[in-house]
Amino acid sequence: MYLLTGLDGGTSVGITSRRSATRARRAFDDSEAQMEFTCTAQQAGRHLKVTVAGDVDLAVYPHFQAAAATWAATGSDVQLDCSGVTFMDSMGLRVLVELWQSLNGADRTVTLIAPSERVSRVLDLAGVQGLFEEADPGAAEHSAA
């Protein structure tokens, strides 16, 4: 089940997806009984702070892509906290690259805040890690103030 809420006065948007982790790619890890995808955004000054967690894959792609299009339309730089992302496939990568293309063309930035090892690995394997600025969580909070 997915829940997608629109921008509330330009301040927030959220998506939630819950599904069983019995897929073949999770068969090796019995500790993850259920994965949840969440995506929330909040305006923080001239930045839109987005927090993404859980599995970012084909199952959530349409919702993640729609949310990213909304973020691109805000006119803000995007700070994307991916520290809670537990899995990312090529569809999640596609959303990130499309978001970067949209913002870069408008002279805005996408900054990855503490990307998880899984996000960094996908970006590195695809050869696109250099497209994104990276920052630690403390630096992102300071720049939003």
Protein backbone atom coordinates (compact mmCIF):
# COMPACT_ATOMS: atom_id res chain seq x y z
CA MET A 1 0.00 0.00 0.00
CA TYR A 2 1.30 3.46 -0.88
CA LEU A 3 0.44 6.80 0.60
CA LEU A 4 1.39 9.88 -1.39
CA THR A 5 0.58 13.31 -0.04
CA GLY A 6 1.01 16.49 -2.02
CA LEU A 7 2.94 19.59 -1.05
CA ASP A 8 1.31 21.27 1.90
CA GLY A 9 1.81 24.96 1.31
CA GLY A 10 5.20 24.19 -0.23
CA THR A 11 6.49 22.65 2.99
CA SER A 12 6.11 18.87 2.91
CA VAL A 13 5.47 15.76 0.86
CA GLY A 14 5.56 12.13 1.99
CA ILE A 15 5.35 8.61 0.61
CA THR A 16 5.14 5.34 2.49
CA SER A 17 5.31 1.80 1.12
CA ARG A 18 5.22 -1.40 3.14
CA ARG A 19 5.89 -4.82 1.68
CA SER A 20 7.20 -8.21 2.67
CA ALA A 21 10.91 -8.87 2.38
CA THR A 22 10.57 -12.44 1.16
CA ARG A 23 12.07 -11.60 -2.22
CA ALA A 24 14.94 -13.62 -3.54
CA ARG A 25 17.41 -10.75 -3.10
CA ARG A 26 16.64 -10.76 0.64
CA ALA A 27 16.82 -14.53 1.08
CA PHE A 28 20.34 -14.29 2.47
CA ASP A 29 19.32 -11.96 5.32
CA ASP A 30 16.67 -13.35 7.67
CA SER A 31 17.00 -10.38 10.03
CA GLU A 32 14.87 -8.14 7.78
CA ALA A 33 11.33 -9.40 8.20
CA GLN A 34 9.71 -6.36 6.62
CA MET A 35 11.07 -3.34 4.74
CA GLU A 36 9.42 0.05 4.65
CA PHE A 37 10.09 2.79 2.13
CA THR A 38 9.57 6.31 3.37
CA CYS A 39 10.20 9.60 1.70
CA THR A 40 9.49 12.96 3.33
CA ALA A 41 10.40 16.50 2.36
CA GLN A 42 10.38 19.70 4.34
CA GLN A 43 11.28 23.22 3.26
CA ALA A 44 14.22 24.57 5.29
CA GLY A 45 15.03 28.08 4.12
CA ARG A 46 16.21 27.99 0.53
CA HIS A 47 16.74 24.22 0.70
CA LEU A 48 14.26 21.37 0.49
CA LYS A 49 15.41 18.71 2.96
CA VAL A 50 14.33 15.24 1.80
CA THR A 51 14.74 12.10 3.89
CA VAL A 52 14.58 8.73 2.10
CA ALA A 53 14.71 5.39 3.93
CA GLY A 54 14.11 1.71 3.22
CA ASP A 55 14.16 0.00 -0.17
CA VAL A 56 14.31 2.26 -3.23
CA ASP A 57 13.45 -0.08 -6.09
CA LEU A 58 11.09 -0.82 -8.96
CA ALA A 59 8.13 -1.28 -6.61
CA VAL A 60 8.30 2.33 -5.40
CA TYR A 61 9.72 3.93 -8.55
CA PRO A 62 6.50 5.61 -9.81
CA HIS A 63 5.88 7.23 -6.44
CA PHE A 64 9.51 8.19 -5.84
CA GLN A 65 9.75 9.67 -9.35
CA ALA A 66 6.54 11.69 -8.88
CA ALA A 67 7.80 13.04 -5.56
CA ALA A 68 11.16 13.99 -7.12
CA ALA A 69 9.35 15.89 -9.89
CA THR A 70 7.50 17.81 -7.17
CA TRP A 71 10.79 18.64 -5.44
CA ALA A 72 12.32 19.86 -8.68
CA ALA A 73 9.35 22.19 -9.19
CA THR A 74 9.83 23.95 -5.83
CA GLY A 75 12.70 26.11 -7.07
CA SER A 76 14.88 25.03 -4.14
CA ASP A 77 18.18 23.24 -3.85
CA VAL A 78 17.58 19.68 -2.60
CA GLN A 79 19.38 18.13 0.35
CA LEU A 80 18.75 14.39 0.11
CA ASP A 81 19.38 12.39 3.30
CA CYS A 82 19.85 8.78 2.13
CA SER A 83 21.47 7.46 5.30
CA GLY A 84 18.48 5.18 5.92
CA VAL A 85 18.34 3.62 2.44
CA THR A 86 18.74 -0.15 2.84
CA PHE A 87 18.61 -1.09 -0.85
CA MET A 88 18.72 0.80 -4.15
CA ASP A 89 18.36 -0.60 -7.65
CA SER A 90 18.67 1.04 -11.06
CA MET A 91 15.21 2.61 -10.80
CA GLY A 92 16.20 4.48 -7.64
CA LEU A 93 19.39 5.52 -9.42
CA ARG A 94 17.31 6.74 -12.35
CA VAL A 95 15.27 9.03 -10.08
CA LEU A 96 18.42 10.52 -8.55
CA VAL A 97 20.03 11.17 -11.93
CA GLU A 98 16.82 12.68 -13.36
CA LEU A 99 16.52 14.92 -10.29
CA TRP A 100 20.15 16.01 -10.74
CA GLN A 101 19.50 16.76 -14.44
CA SER A 102 16.42 18.86 -13.61
CA LEU A 103 18.13 20.88 -10.92
CA ASN A 104 21.49 21.21 -12.66
CA GLY A 105 19.72 22.66 -15.72
CA ALA A 106 18.14 25.28 -13.46
CA ASP A 107 21.47 26.10 -11.73
CA ARG A 108 20.42 24.34 -8.51
CA THR A 109 22.06 21.49 -6.61
CA VAL A 110 21.31 18.06 -5.20
CA THR A 111 23.39 17.36 -2.10
CA LEU A 112 23.49 13.83 -0.70
CA ILE A 113 23.54 13.85 3.08
CA ALA A 114 25.38 10.86 4.57
CA PRO A 115 24.47 8.40 1.79
CA SER A 116 24.31 4.81 3.00
CA GLU A 117 26.92 2.35 1.79
CA ARG A 118 24.32 0.82 -0.56
CA VAL A 119 23.53 4.17 -2.18
CA SER A 120 27.22 5.02 -2.56
CA ARG A 121 27.92 1.62 -4.13
CA VAL A 122 25.15 1.99 -6.75
CA LEU A 123 26.30 5.51 -7.64
CA ASP A 124 29.91 4.34 -7.85
CA LEU A 125 29.09 1.30 -10.00
CA ALA A 126 27.12 3.52 -12.38
CA GLY A 127 29.95 6.04 -12.52
CA VAL A 128 27.76 8.97 -11.44
CA GLN A 129 28.89 9.58 -7.86
CA GLY A 130 30.75 12.71 -9.00
CA LEU A 131 27.49 14.35 -10.10
CA PHE A 132 26.31 14.80 -6.53
CA GLU A 133 27.70 17.00 -3.81
CA GLU A 134 28.01 15.18 -0.48
CA ALA A 135 27.79 16.53 3.06
CA ASP A 136 27.61 15.17 6.57
CA PRO A 137 24.38 15.69 8.56
CA GLY A 138 25.85 18.50 10.69
CA ALA A 139 26.90 20.54 7.66
CA ALA A 140 23.44 20.17 6.10
CA GLU A 141 21.68 21.44 9.25
CA HIS A 142 24.04 24.43 9.41
CA SER A 143 23.47 25.39 5.75
CA ALA A 144 19.67 25.18 6.16
CA ALA A 145 19.67 27.74 8.96
